[in-house]
C-alpha cells in the first residue's frame, strides 16, 4: 500500500508534465469542421431566402454558393497563412 507521501510525489511529477500541443491533423480537422458548418449555414440561408421570396430561379442559393466558396478561400488563407491555432 502506498503512503501519502508517495502519492503526493507521483501527483507532483504528473502535474509538472505539460500536455503536448495539438498536432497538425487535429488542427486541420478543426478547420474542416468549421468550414463545413460555415458552408452549410450560408447555403441554408440562401435556400430559406429563396423560399421566402418565392423566386422561380434559385438566385439566392446560387449567390450563397459563390459567397461560401469565397468565404472559404478567404478563411483558409487567413487561418493557414498566420499559423493561428
Protein backbone atom coordinates (compact mmCIF):
# COMPACT_ATOMS: atom_id res chain seq x y z
CA UNK A 1 0.00 0.00 0.00
CA UNK A 2 1.37 3.43 -0.95
CA UNK A 3 1.88 6.06 1.65
CA UNK A 4 0.55 9.59 1.39
CA UNK A 5 4.00 11.00 0.57
CA UNK A 6 4.45 8.59 -2.36
CA UNK A 7 1.05 9.54 -3.76
CA UNK A 8 1.87 13.22 -3.34
CA UNK A 9 5.23 12.85 -5.13
CA UNK A 10 3.58 11.00 -8.00
CA UNK A 11 0.95 13.71 -8.31
CA UNK A 12 3.62 16.43 -8.29
CA UNK A 13 5.57 14.72 -11.04
CA UNK A 14 2.50 14.24 -13.21
CA UNK A 15 1.38 17.85 -12.74
CA UNK A 16 4.78 19.10 -13.95
CA UNK A 17 4.37 17.27 -17.25
CA UNK A 18 2.97 19.66 -19.80
CA UNK A 19 0.45 18.47 -22.34
CA UNK A 20 1.69 18.10 -25.89
CA UNK A 21 0.45 20.77 -28.30
CA UNK A 22 -2.14 19.59 -30.83
CA UNK A 23 -0.65 18.04 -33.91
CA UNK A 24 -1.37 19.06 -37.50
CA UNK A 25 -4.11 16.51 -38.05
CA UNK A 26 -6.10 17.80 -35.09
CA UNK A 27 -5.66 21.39 -36.22
CA UNK A 28 -6.80 20.70 -39.77
CA UNK A 29 -9.72 18.59 -38.57
CA UNK A 30 -10.95 21.56 -36.57
CA UNK A 31 -10.61 23.84 -39.59
CA UNK A 32 -12.51 21.32 -41.73
CA UNK A 33 -15.42 21.20 -39.30
CA UNK A 34 -15.55 24.98 -39.12
CA UNK A 35 -15.67 25.24 -42.91
CA UNK A 36 -18.36 22.59 -43.28
CA UNK A 37 -20.58 24.35 -40.74
CA UNK A 38 -19.94 27.74 -42.37
CA UNK A 39 -20.83 26.46 -45.85
CA UNK A 40 -23.95 24.67 -44.65
CA UNK A 41 -25.21 27.77 -42.84
CA UNK A 42 -24.59 30.07 -45.82
CA UNK A 43 -26.25 27.75 -48.35
CA UNK A 44 -29.15 27.06 -45.96
CA UNK A 45 -29.62 30.82 -45.62
CA UNK A 46 -29.79 31.14 -49.40
CA UNK A 47 -32.31 28.31 -49.55
CA UNK A 48 -34.51 29.95 -46.92
CA UNK A 49 -34.33 33.31 -48.73
CA UNK A 50 -35.44 31.59 -51.95
CA UNK A 51 -38.34 30.01 -50.09
CA UNK A 52 -39.30 33.34 -48.55
CA UNK A 53 -39.19 35.30 -51.82
CA UNK A 54 -40.68 32.50 -53.94
CA UNK A 55 -38.49 33.10 -56.99
CA UNK A 56 -38.64 30.62 -59.87
CA UNK A 57 -34.87 30.59 -60.31
CA UNK A 58 -32.96 29.90 -57.06
CA UNK A 59 -30.86 33.07 -57.22
CA UNK A 60 -30.13 33.23 -53.52
CA UNK A 61 -28.78 29.67 -53.46
CA UNK A 62 -26.58 30.42 -56.46
CA UNK A 63 -25.25 33.59 -54.81
CA UNK A 64 -24.81 31.85 -51.46
CA UNK A 65 -22.72 29.08 -53.06
CA UNK A 66 -20.36 31.67 -54.55
CA UNK A 67 -20.23 33.55 -51.24
CA UNK A 68 -19.45 30.37 -49.33
CA UNK A 69 -16.64 29.47 -51.74
CA UNK A 70 -15.19 32.99 -51.50
CA UNK A 71 -15.54 32.95 -47.71
CA UNK A 72 -13.88 29.53 -47.50
CA UNK A 73 -10.91 30.66 -49.59
CA UNK A 74 -10.56 33.86 -47.57
CA UNK A 75 -10.75 31.97 -44.28
CA UNK A 76 -8.21 29.36 -45.36
CA UNK A 77 -5.69 31.98 -46.48
CA UNK A 78 -6.19 33.98 -43.31
CA UNK A 79 -6.05 30.99 -40.96
CA UNK A 80 -3.27 29.00 -42.56
CA UNK A 81 -1.04 31.94 -43.51
CA UNK A 82 -0.75 33.29 -39.97
CA UNK A 83 -0.45 29.88 -38.35
CA UNK A 84 -3.17 30.64 -35.79
CA UNK A 85 -4.46 27.70 -33.84
